[in-house]
């Protein structure tokens, strides 16, 4: 019971802080690399819709990490993402569009954070005033 609780707390903290790595408790005691999913009879193309199933961070985690690293306003990033994808909400956007958005915002933040913050602040204005 104690181990299960520790794992659950670690999982919650990882999700909250957008960390794409698992805790030591979840790795087990074998130092060997994990076997591919196909060896276990699991279809490796299956994913939960947000991750790639390859151990890479999920899109949401990547976006959360960008927001935290560059100290961006999450609400404004969400509005910018919906506008970028051409949808009312980000949830309605296709995975390809969201991947493109994450790449775009990562590049903009790395190249000129001030310009990105200025662009995001334009999403803080009412719809009628926005260019």
N, C-alpha and C. Protein backbone atom coordinates (compact mmCIF):
# COMPACT_ATOMS: atom_id res chain seq x y z
N UNK A 1 0.83 -1.20 0.00
CA UNK A 1 0.00 0.00 0.00
C UNK A 1 0.87 1.26 0.00
N UNK A 2 1.97 1.22 0.77
CA UNK A 2 2.85 2.38 0.86
C UNK A 2 3.50 2.66 -0.50
N UNK A 3 3.92 1.61 -1.20
CA UNK A 3 4.55 1.77 -2.50
C UNK A 3 3.56 2.33 -3.51
N UNK A 4 2.32 1.84 -3.47
CA UNK A 4 1.30 2.33 -4.39
C UNK A 4 1.03 3.81 -4.14
N UNK A 5 0.99 4.21 -2.89
CA UNK A 5 0.77 5.62 -2.57
C UNK A 5 1.93 6.49 -3.05
N UNK A 6 3.16 6.01 -2.84
CA UNK A 6 4.33 6.75 -3.29
C UNK A 6 4.32 6.93 -4.81
N UNK A 7 3.97 5.86 -5.51
CA UNK A 7 3.90 5.94 -6.98
C UNK A 7 2.83 6.91 -7.43
N UNK A 8 1.68 6.89 -6.77
CA UNK A 8 0.58 7.78 -7.13
C UNK A 8 0.97 9.24 -6.90
N UNK A 9 1.61 9.52 -5.79
CA UNK A 9 2.05 10.89 -5.50
C UNK A 9 3.07 11.34 -6.54
N UNK A 10 4.04 10.47 -6.84
CA UNK A 10 5.05 10.81 -7.85
C UNK A 10 4.41 11.07 -9.21
N UNK A 11 3.43 10.24 -9.58
CA UNK A 11 2.73 10.42 -10.85
C UNK A 11 2.00 11.76 -10.89
N UNK A 12 1.34 12.10 -9.80
CA UNK A 12 0.60 13.37 -9.73
C UNK A 12 1.56 14.55 -9.84
N UNK A 13 2.69 14.48 -9.16
CA UNK A 13 3.66 15.57 -9.23
C UNK A 13 4.25 15.71 -10.63
N UNK A 14 4.53 14.56 -11.28
CA UNK A 14 5.05 14.61 -12.64
C UNK A 14 4.07 15.28 -13.58
N UNK A 15 2.78 14.93 -13.46
CA UNK A 15 1.77 15.54 -14.32
C UNK A 15 1.64 17.02 -14.04
N UNK A 16 1.67 17.39 -12.76
CA UNK A 16 1.51 18.79 -12.38
C UNK A 16 2.65 19.66 -12.90
N UNK A 17 3.86 19.10 -12.92
CA UNK A 17 5.02 19.88 -13.33
C UNK A 17 5.50 19.55 -14.74
N UNK A 18 4.76 18.72 -15.45
CA UNK A 18 5.08 18.43 -16.85
C UNK A 18 6.39 17.69 -17.04
N UNK A 19 6.72 16.81 -16.13
CA UNK A 19 7.96 16.05 -16.22
C UNK A 19 7.68 14.75 -16.98
N UNK A 20 8.46 14.50 -18.01
CA UNK A 20 8.22 13.34 -18.86
C UNK A 20 8.94 12.08 -18.40
N UNK A 21 9.57 12.10 -17.24
CA UNK A 21 10.30 10.93 -16.75
C UNK A 21 9.51 10.27 -15.64
N UNK A 22 9.74 8.98 -15.44
CA UNK A 22 9.04 8.29 -14.35
C UNK A 22 9.95 8.22 -13.13
N UNK A 23 9.35 7.94 -12.00
CA UNK A 23 10.11 7.88 -10.76
C UNK A 23 10.87 6.56 -10.66
N UNK A 24 11.84 6.52 -9.78
CA UNK A 24 12.67 5.33 -9.59
C UNK A 24 11.81 4.15 -9.15
N UNK A 25 10.81 4.40 -8.33
CA UNK A 25 9.94 3.33 -7.84
C UNK A 25 9.24 2.61 -8.98
N UNK A 26 8.93 3.33 -10.06
CA UNK A 26 8.20 2.73 -11.17
C UNK A 26 9.11 2.01 -12.15
N UNK A 27 10.41 2.23 -12.04
CA UNK A 27 11.34 1.58 -12.96
C UNK A 27 11.56 0.12 -12.61
N UNK A 28 11.43 -0.23 -11.35
CA UNK A 28 11.70 -1.60 -10.93
C UNK A 28 13.16 -1.75 -10.56
N UNK A 29 13.59 -2.96 -10.31
CA UNK A 29 14.96 -3.16 -9.84
C UNK A 29 15.90 -3.64 -10.94
N UNK A 30 15.42 -3.93 -12.14
CA UNK A 30 16.28 -4.40 -13.21
C UNK A 30 16.88 -3.23 -13.97
N UNK A 31 18.21 -3.18 -14.09
CA UNK A 31 18.84 -2.08 -14.79
C UNK A 31 18.81 -2.21 -16.31
N UNK A 32 18.30 -3.32 -16.84
CA UNK A 32 18.27 -3.53 -18.29
C UNK A 32 17.23 -2.62 -18.93
N UNK A 33 17.44 -2.24 -20.20
CA UNK A 33 16.49 -1.37 -20.89
C UNK A 33 15.16 -2.10 -21.09
N UNK A 34 14.05 -1.35 -21.12
CA UNK A 34 12.75 -1.98 -21.31
C UNK A 34 12.65 -2.61 -22.70
N UNK A 35 11.92 -3.71 -22.78
CA UNK A 35 11.71 -4.39 -24.05
C UNK A 35 10.64 -3.66 -24.85
N UNK A 36 10.69 -3.72 -26.18
CA UNK A 36 9.65 -3.10 -26.99
C UNK A 36 8.29 -3.69 -26.68
N UNK A 37 7.25 -2.88 -26.87
CA UNK A 37 5.89 -3.32 -26.59
C UNK A 37 5.48 -4.52 -27.45
N UNK A 38 6.05 -4.64 -28.64
CA UNK A 38 5.66 -5.75 -29.52
C UNK A 38 6.08 -7.09 -28.94
N UNK A 39 7.14 -7.09 -28.11
CA UNK A 39 7.58 -8.34 -27.49
C UNK A 39 6.55 -8.83 -26.47
N UNK A 40 5.78 -7.91 -25.92
CA UNK A 40 4.76 -8.26 -24.94
C UNK A 40 3.42 -8.57 -25.59
N UNK A 41 3.36 -8.45 -26.92
CA UNK A 41 2.11 -8.71 -27.61
C UNK A 41 1.20 -7.50 -27.64
N UNK A 42 1.75 -6.32 -27.36
CA UNK A 42 0.96 -5.10 -27.37
C UNK A 42 1.27 -4.35 -28.64
N UNK A 43 0.26 -3.82 -29.28
CA UNK A 43 0.44 -3.05 -30.50
C UNK A 43 1.15 -1.76 -30.18
N UNK A 44 2.36 -1.55 -30.69
CA UNK A 44 3.15 -0.36 -30.37
C UNK A 44 2.59 0.89 -31.03
N UNK A 45 1.70 0.76 -32.00
CA UNK A 45 1.12 1.94 -32.62
C UNK A 45 0.01 2.52 -31.76
N UNK A 46 -0.42 1.78 -30.74
CA UNK A 46 -1.48 2.26 -29.85
C UNK A 46 -0.91 3.34 -28.95
N UNK A 47 -1.63 4.43 -28.82
CA UNK A 47 -1.25 5.48 -27.89
C UNK A 47 -2.51 6.01 -27.24
N UNK A 48 -2.32 6.83 -26.21
CA UNK A 48 -3.47 7.36 -25.49
C UNK A 48 -4.01 8.63 -26.12
N UNK A 49 -3.54 8.96 -27.32
CA UNK A 49 -4.04 10.14 -28.00
C UNK A 49 -3.17 11.36 -27.76
N UNK A 50 -2.36 11.35 -26.72
CA UNK A 50 -1.54 12.51 -26.44
C UNK A 50 -0.07 12.17 -26.52
N UNK A 51 0.28 10.93 -26.31
CA UNK A 51 1.67 10.52 -26.35
C UNK A 51 1.96 9.72 -27.59
N UNK A 52 3.22 9.49 -27.85
CA UNK A 52 3.59 8.74 -29.03
C UNK A 52 3.78 7.27 -28.73
N UNK A 53 3.79 6.87 -27.49
CA UNK A 53 4.01 5.49 -27.13
C UNK A 53 5.48 5.11 -27.25
N UNK A 54 6.38 6.09 -27.37
CA UNK A 54 7.80 5.82 -27.53
C UNK A 54 8.60 6.28 -26.33
N UNK A 55 7.95 6.68 -25.28
CA UNK A 55 8.66 7.16 -24.11
C UNK A 55 8.98 8.64 -24.19
N UNK A 56 8.62 9.29 -25.29
CA UNK A 56 8.85 10.72 -25.42
C UNK A 56 7.76 11.46 -24.67
N UNK A 57 8.06 12.70 -24.21
CA UNK A 57 7.03 13.46 -23.50
C UNK A 57 5.82 13.71 -24.38
N UNK A 58 4.66 13.71 -23.76
CA UNK A 58 3.43 13.97 -24.49
C UNK A 58 3.37 15.43 -24.89
N UNK A 59 2.53 15.75 -25.87
CA UNK A 59 2.42 17.12 -26.35
C UNK A 59 2.05 18.08 -25.23
N UNK A 60 1.08 17.67 -24.41
CA UNK A 60 0.66 18.53 -23.31
C UNK A 60 1.83 18.81 -22.37
N UNK A 61 2.64 17.78 -22.12
CA UNK A 61 3.79 17.95 -21.24
C UNK A 61 4.82 18.89 -21.85
N UNK A 62 5.04 18.75 -23.15
CA UNK A 62 5.97 19.65 -23.84
C UNK A 62 5.49 21.10 -23.74
N UNK A 63 4.19 21.30 -23.96
CA UNK A 63 3.63 22.64 -23.90
C UNK A 63 3.72 23.21 -22.49
N UNK A 64 3.42 22.39 -21.50
CA UNK A 64 3.52 22.84 -20.10
C UNK A 64 4.94 23.22 -19.75
N UNK A 65 5.89 22.45 -20.24
CA UNK A 65 7.29 22.74 -19.98
C UNK A 65 7.71 24.06 -20.63
N UNK A 66 7.26 24.30 -21.85
CA UNK A 66 7.55 25.58 -22.52
C UNK A 66 6.95 26.75 -21.74
N UNK A 67 5.72 26.59 -21.30
CA UNK A 67 5.05 27.65 -20.55
C UNK A 67 5.82 27.96 -19.27
N UNK A 68 6.25 26.92 -18.59
CA UNK A 68 6.96 27.11 -17.33
C UNK A 68 8.36 27.68 -17.56
N UNK A 69 9.09 27.14 -18.53
CA UNK A 69 10.47 27.60 -18.78
C UNK A 69 10.53 29.06 -19.23
N UNK A 70 9.59 29.46 -20.05
CA UNK A 70 9.61 30.83 -20.58
C UNK A 70 8.67 31.77 -19.82
N UNK A 71 8.08 31.26 -18.73
CA UNK A 71 7.19 32.04 -17.87
C UNK A 71 6.08 32.73 -18.68
N UNK A 72 5.33 31.92 -19.41
CA UNK A 72 4.24 32.41 -20.25
C UNK A 72 2.91 32.23 -19.53
N UNK A 73 1.93 33.03 -19.90
CA UNK A 73 0.60 32.92 -19.31
C UNK A 73 -0.14 31.76 -20.00
N UNK A 74 -0.49 30.72 -19.24
CA UNK A 74 -1.11 29.54 -19.85
C UNK A 74 -2.43 29.84 -20.54
N UNK A 75 -3.22 30.75 -19.98
CA UNK A 75 -4.51 31.09 -20.59
C UNK A 75 -4.32 31.74 -21.95
N UNK A 76 -3.34 32.64 -22.03
CA UNK A 76 -3.08 33.31 -23.30
C UNK A 76 -2.48 32.35 -24.32
N UNK A 77 -1.64 31.42 -23.86
CA UNK A 77 -1.07 30.41 -24.76
C UNK A 77 -2.20 29.54 -25.33
N UNK A 78 -3.16 29.21 -24.49
CA UNK A 78 -4.30 28.40 -24.93
C UNK A 78 -5.11 29.14 -26.00
N UNK A 79 -5.33 30.43 -25.78
CA UNK A 79 -6.07 31.23 -26.78
C UNK A 79 -5.29 31.33 -28.09
N UNK A 80 -3.99 31.54 -27.97
CA UNK A 80 -3.13 31.62 -29.15
C UNK A 80 -3.16 30.28 -29.90
N UNK A 81 -3.12 29.19 -29.17
CA UNK A 81 -3.14 27.85 -29.78
C UNK A 81 -4.44 27.63 -30.55
N UNK A 82 -5.56 27.99 -29.93
CA UNK A 82 -6.86 27.82 -30.61
C UNK A 82 -6.91 28.65 -31.88
N UNK A 83 -6.40 29.89 -31.80
CA UNK A 83 -6.38 30.76 -32.98
C UNK A 83 -5.44 30.19 -34.04
N UNK A 84 -4.28 29.72 -33.63
CA UNK A 84 -3.30 29.12 -34.54
C UNK A 84 -3.91 27.93 -35.27
N UNK A 85 -4.65 27.11 -34.54
CA UNK A 85 -5.25 25.89 -35.11
C UNK A 85 -6.56 26.17 -35.84
N UNK A 86 -7.08 27.39 -35.69
CA UNK A 86 -8.33 27.75 -36.36
C UNK A 86 -9.55 27.09 -35.77
N UNK A 87 -9.53 26.84 -34.47
CA UNK A 87 -10.65 26.20 -33.79
C UNK A 87 -11.11 27.06 -32.61
N UNK A 88 -12.31 26.79 -32.12
CA UNK A 88 -12.82 27.51 -30.96
C UNK A 88 -12.02 27.18 -29.71
N UNK A 89 -11.72 25.90 -29.55
CA UNK A 89 -10.92 25.45 -28.40
C UNK A 89 -9.79 24.56 -28.91
N UNK A 90 -8.76 24.44 -28.11
CA UNK A 90 -7.62 23.63 -28.49
C UNK A 90 -7.99 22.15 -28.57
N UNK A 91 -8.96 21.75 -27.77
CA UNK A 91 -9.40 20.34 -27.74
C UNK A 91 -9.94 19.90 -29.11
N UNK A 92 -10.48 20.82 -29.88
CA UNK A 92 -11.07 20.49 -31.19
C UNK A 92 -10.02 20.35 -32.29
N UNK A 93 -8.79 20.79 -32.01
CA UNK A 93 -7.74 20.79 -33.04
C UNK A 93 -7.18 19.39 -33.25
N UNK A 94 -6.71 19.13 -34.45
CA UNK A 94 -6.09 17.83 -34.75
C UNK A 94 -4.71 17.76 -34.11
N UNK A 95 -4.23 16.56 -33.94
CA UNK A 95 -2.91 16.36 -33.32
C UNK A 95 -1.81 17.02 -34.15
N UNK A 96 -1.91 16.93 -35.48
CA UNK A 96 -0.90 17.54 -36.34
C UNK A 96 -0.82 19.05 -36.14
N UNK A 97 -1.99 19.69 -36.02
CA UNK A 97 -2.00 21.14 -35.80
C UNK A 97 -1.40 21.49 -34.44
N UNK A 98 -1.71 20.70 -33.43
CA UNK A 98 -1.17 20.97 -32.10
C UNK A 98 0.35 20.76 -32.10
N UNK A 99 0.82 19.72 -32.79
CA UNK A 99 2.27 19.51 -32.90
C UNK A 99 2.93 20.71 -33.58
N UNK A 100 2.31 21.21 -34.64
CA UNK A 100 2.85 22.37 -35.35
C UNK A 100 2.87 23.59 -34.44
N UNK A 101 1.81 23.74 -33.63
CA UNK A 101 1.76 24.87 -32.71
C UNK A 101 2.87 24.79 -31.68
N UNK A 102 3.06 23.61 -31.09
CA UNK A 102 4.10 23.44 -30.07
C UNK A 102 5.47 23.76 -30.66
N UNK A 103 5.74 23.30 -31.88
CA UNK A 103 7.01 23.61 -32.55
C UNK A 103 7.15 25.10 -32.80
N UNK A 104 6.07 25.72 -33.24
CA UNK A 104 6.10 27.15 -33.54
C UNK A 104 6.36 27.97 -32.29
N UNK A 105 5.62 27.68 -31.23
CA UNK A 105 5.77 28.48 -30.01
C UNK A 105 7.14 28.24 -29.37
N UNK A 106 7.68 27.03 -29.51
CA UNK A 106 9.02 26.75 -28.99
C UNK A 106 10.05 27.60 -29.73
N UNK A 107 9.92 27.68 -31.05
CA UNK A 107 10.83 28.50 -31.84
C UNK A 107 10.70 29.97 -31.53
N UNK A 108 9.46 30.45 -31.42
CA UNK A 108 9.24 31.86 -31.12
C UNK A 108 9.80 32.21 -29.74
N UNK A 109 9.59 31.34 -28.76
CA UNK A 109 10.08 31.61 -27.41
C UNK A 109 11.61 31.61 -27.38
N UNK A 110 12.22 30.70 -28.10
CA UNK A 110 13.68 30.63 -28.11
C UNK A 110 14.30 31.81 -28.85
N UNK A 111 13.68 32.22 -29.95
CA UNK A 111 14.23 33.31 -30.75
C UNK A 111 14.01 34.68 -30.14
N UNK A 112 12.78 34.97 -29.72
CA UNK A 112 12.46 36.30 -29.20
C UNK A 112 11.29 36.19 -28.22
N UNK A 113 11.60 35.95 -26.97
CA UNK A 113 10.57 35.77 -25.95
C UNK A 113 9.71 37.03 -25.81
N UNK A 114 10.34 38.20 -25.87
CA UNK A 114 9.60 39.46 -25.70
C UNK A 114 8.53 39.63 -26.78
N UNK A 115 8.87 39.29 -28.01
CA UNK A 115 7.90 39.38 -29.10
C UNK A 115 6.75 38.38 -28.89
N UNK A 116 7.09 37.19 -28.40
CA UNK A 116 6.06 36.20 -28.13
C UNK A 116 5.13 36.68 -27.02
N UNK A 117 5.69 37.24 -25.96
CA UNK A 117 4.86 37.75 -24.86
C UNK A 117 3.96 38.87 -25.37
N UNK A 118 4.47 39.72 -26.23
CA UNK A 118 3.66 40.79 -26.82
C UNK A 118 2.52 40.20 -27.64
N UNK A 119 2.82 39.18 -28.44
CA UNK A 119 1.78 38.52 -29.24
C UNK A 119 0.73 37.88 -28.33
N UNK A 120 1.19 37.22 -27.26
CA UNK A 120 0.25 36.59 -26.33
C UNK A 120 -0.63 37.63 -25.64
N UNK A 121 -0.05 38.78 -25.30
CA UNK A 121 -0.83 39.83 -24.63
C UNK A 121 -1.94 40.36 -25.52
N UNK A 122 -1.77 40.25 -26.83
CA UNK A 122 -2.83 40.70 -27.74
C UNK A 122 -4.07 39.81 -27.60
N UNK A 123 -3.89 38.58 -27.08
CA UNK A 123 -5.02 37.68 -26.87
C UNK A 123 -5.73 37.96 -25.55
N UNK A 124 -5.23 38.93 -24.81
CA UNK A 124 -5.85 39.33 -23.55
C UNK A 124 -6.91 40.39 -23.79
N UNK A 125 -6.92 40.95 -24.99
CA UNK A 125 -7.87 41.99 -25.34
C UNK A 125 -9.20 41.35 -25.78
N UNK A 126 -10.28 42.12 -25.70
CA UNK A 126 -11.57 41.60 -26.20
C UNK A 126 -11.47 41.28 -27.68
N UNK A 127 -12.33 40.38 -28.16
CA UNK A 127 -12.35 39.92 -29.54
C UNK A 127 -12.43 41.08 -30.55
N UNK A 128 -13.23 42.12 -30.25
CA UNK A 128 -13.46 43.21 -31.21
C UNK A 128 -12.20 44.03 -31.44
N UNK A 129 -11.33 44.14 -30.43
CA UNK A 129 -10.15 44.98 -30.53
C UNK A 129 -9.00 44.25 -31.18
N UNK A 130 -8.97 42.92 -31.09
CA UNK A 130 -7.87 42.10 -31.59
C UNK A 130 -7.71 42.29 -33.09
N UNK A 131 -6.46 42.46 -33.58
CA UNK A 131 -6.23 42.64 -35.04
C UNK A 131 -6.50 41.40 -35.83
